[in-house]
C-alpha atoms as a PDB file:
ATOM      1  CA  MET A   1     -32.381 -22.886 -41.378  1.00  0.00           C
ATOM      2  CA  ASP A   2     -32.004 -24.517 -44.562  1.00  0.00           C
ATOM      3  CA  LYS A   3     -35.578 -24.378 -45.921  1.00  0.00           C
ATOM      4  CA  ALA A   4     -38.459 -21.831 -46.022  1.00  0.00           C
ATOM      5  CA  SER A   5     -41.965 -23.362 -45.814  1.00  0.00           C
ATOM      6  CA  HIS A   6     -43.443 -21.117 -48.654  1.00  0.00           C
ATOM      7  CA  ALA A   7     -42.452 -18.582 -51.166  1.00  0.00           C
ATOM      8  CA  THR A   8     -45.185 -16.873 -52.963  1.00  0.00           C
ATOM      9  CA  TYR A   9     -44.268 -14.227 -55.728  1.00  0.00           C
ATOM     10  CA  GLY A  10     -45.928 -12.142 -58.408  1.00  0.00           C
ATOM     11  CA  ALA A  11     -45.025  -9.766 -61.185  1.00  0.00           C
ATOM     12  CA  GLY A  12     -47.660  -8.453 -63.629  1.00  0.00           C
ATOM     13  CA  PRO A  13     -49.642 -11.449 -64.834  1.00  0.00           C
ATOM     14  CA  LYS A  14     -47.252 -14.016 -63.497  1.00  0.00           C
ATOM     15  CA  THR A  15     -47.728 -15.418 -60.076  1.00  0.00           C
ATOM     16  CA  GLY A  16     -47.061 -18.583 -58.161  1.00  0.00           C
ATOM     17  CA  GLN A  17     -45.923 -20.230 -54.935  1.00  0.00           C
ATOM     18  CA  ASP A  18     -43.232 -22.609 -54.137  1.00  0.00           C
ATOM     19  CA  VAL A  19     -43.406 -24.913 -51.071  1.00  0.00           C
ATOM     20  CA  ASP A  20     -40.743 -26.271 -48.665  1.00  0.00           C
ATOM     21  CA  VAL A  21     -37.995 -24.317 -50.632  1.00  0.00           C
ATOM     22  CA  PRO A  22     -34.210 -24.716 -50.046  1.00  0.00           C
ATOM     23  CA  LEU A  23     -32.286 -21.624 -48.913  1.00  0.00           C
ATOM     24  CA  PRO A  24     -30.998 -19.745 -50.618  1.00  0.00           C
ATOM     25  CA  TYR A  25     -33.912 -19.570 -52.828  1.00  0.00           C
ATOM     26  CA  SER A  26     -34.143 -17.713 -56.133  1.00  0.00           C
ATOM     27  CA  LYS A  27     -36.791 -17.303 -58.817  1.00  0.00           C
ATOM     28  CA  THR A  28     -36.281 -15.422 -62.022  1.00  0.00           C
ATOM     29  CA  LEU A  29     -39.342 -13.946 -63.954  1.00  0.00           C
ATOM     30  CA  HIS A  30     -39.172 -12.617 -67.293  1.00  0.00           C
ATOM     31  CA  VAL A  31     -41.935 -10.116 -67.905  1.00  0.00           C
ATOM     32  CA  THR A  32     -42.691  -7.185 -70.254  1.00  0.00           C
ATOM     33  CA  GLY A  33     -44.957  -4.235 -70.385  1.00  0.00           C
ATOM     34  CA  ASP A  34     -46.654  -2.795 -67.184  1.00  0.00           C
ATOM     35  CA  LEU A  35     -45.866  -4.779 -64.158  1.00  0.00           C
ATOM     36  CA  GLY A  36     -47.949  -2.979 -61.599  1.00  0.00           C
ATOM     37  CA  LEU A  37     -46.941  -4.516 -58.264  1.00  0.00           C
ATOM     38  CA  VAL A  38     -44.187  -7.028 -57.797  1.00  0.00           C
ATOM     39  CA  THR A  39     -44.540  -9.156 -54.724  1.00  0.00           C
ATOM     40  CA  LEU A  40     -42.538 -11.579 -52.757  1.00  0.00           C
ATOM     41  CA  PHE A  41     -43.457 -13.273 -49.572  1.00  0.00           C
ATOM     42  CA  VAL A  42     -41.416 -16.012 -47.906  1.00  0.00           C
ATOM     43  CA  GLN A  43     -42.201 -17.733 -44.635  1.00  0.00           C
ATOM     44  CA  ASN A  44     -39.701 -18.841 -41.916  1.00  0.00           C
ATOM     45  CA  PRO A  45     -40.661 -22.453 -41.427  1.00  0.00           C
ATOM     46  CA  GLY A  46     -39.686 -22.575 -37.550  1.00  0.00           C
ATOM     47  CA  ALA A  47     -39.525 -20.776 -34.241  1.00  0.00           C
ATOM     48  CA  ASP A  48     -35.689 -19.965 -34.917  1.00  0.00           C
ATOM     49  CA  GLY A  49     -33.759 -18.214 -37.642  1.00  0.00           C
ATOM     50  CA  SER A  50     -34.382 -15.286 -39.929  1.00  0.00           C
ATOM     51  CA  VAL A  51     -35.491 -14.956 -43.532  1.00  0.00           C
ATOM     52  CA  THR A  52     -34.351 -11.955 -45.721  1.00  0.00           C
ATOM     53  CA  CYS A  53     -36.216 -11.272 -49.065  1.00  0.00           C
ATOM     54  CA  GLN A  54     -34.939  -9.218 -52.012  1.00  0.00           C
ATOM     55  CA  VAL A  55     -36.419  -8.229 -55.308  1.00  0.00           C
ATOM     56  CA  LYS A  56     -33.873  -7.570 -58.049  1.00  0.00           C
ATOM     57  CA  VAL A  57     -34.204  -6.007 -61.425  1.00  0.00           C
ATOM     58  CA  ASP A  58     -31.295  -6.542 -63.794  1.00  0.00           C
ATOM     59  CA  GLY A  59     -29.240  -7.460 -60.835  1.00  0.00           C
ATOM     60  CA  LYS A  60     -30.030  -4.306 -58.987  1.00  0.00           C
ATOM     61  CA  VAL A  61     -31.831  -4.630 -55.359  1.00  0.00           C
ATOM     62  CA  VAL A  62     -35.059  -2.595 -55.563  1.00  0.00           C
ATOM     63  CA  GLY A  63     -36.738  -3.910 -52.442  1.00  0.00           C
ATOM     64  CA  GLU A  64     -35.560  -5.831 -49.372  1.00  0.00           C
ATOM     65  CA  ALA A  65     -37.072  -6.762 -46.080  1.00  0.00           C
ATOM     66  CA  GLU A  66     -36.327  -9.257 -43.173  1.00  0.00           C
ATOM     67  CA  THR A  67     -38.080 -11.146 -40.370  1.00  0.00           C
ATOM     68  CA  ASP A  68     -36.710 -13.101 -37.357  1.00  0.00           C
ATOM     69  CA  ASN A  69     -40.057 -13.792 -35.938  1.00  0.00           C
ATOM     70  CA  PRO A  70     -41.189 -17.347 -35.244  1.00  0.00           C
ATOM     71  CA  TYR A  71     -42.874 -18.542 -38.403  1.00  0.00           C
ATOM     72  CA  GLY A  72     -42.799 -14.964 -39.632  1.00  0.00           C
ATOM     73  CA  VAL A  73     -43.331 -13.885 -43.282  1.00  0.00           C
ATOM     74  CA  CYS A  74     -40.709 -11.628 -45.039  1.00  0.00           C
ATOM     75  CA  ARG A  75     -42.659  -9.378 -47.375  1.00  0.00           C
ATOM     76  CA  VAL A  76     -41.533  -7.269 -50.264  1.00  0.00           C
ATOM     77  CA  GLN A  77     -43.712  -5.278 -52.403  1.00  0.00           C
ATOM     78  CA  VAL A  78     -42.459  -2.976 -55.082  1.00  0.00           C
ATOM     79  CA  ASP A  79     -44.378  -0.613 -57.384  1.00  0.00           C
ATOM     80  CA  SER A  80     -41.347   1.138 -58.697  1.00  0.00           C
ATOM     81  CA  LEU A  81     -38.666  -0.879 -60.275  1.00  0.00           C
ATOM     82  CA  GLY A  82     -35.891   1.759 -59.829  1.00  0.00           C
ATOM     83  CA  GLU A  83     -36.211   3.072 -63.380  1.00  0.00           C
END
């Protein structure tokens, strides 16, 4: 698999969605203050393959998930950034 159909992300007030994203995919958000919940959802575009999601803070993985379900959605939600 070389693409994901959707990547939806959010951190504090910054949210967005990218469509038909090439893999590997990376999105960097620069935020300050209270982030609340950090989220990442990536959808497998087909019946085969798998998608792994990671949320990193300063290079450190603070949340990770994977799905190999057909058209499945990989979900990572982090309310503590490992501080």
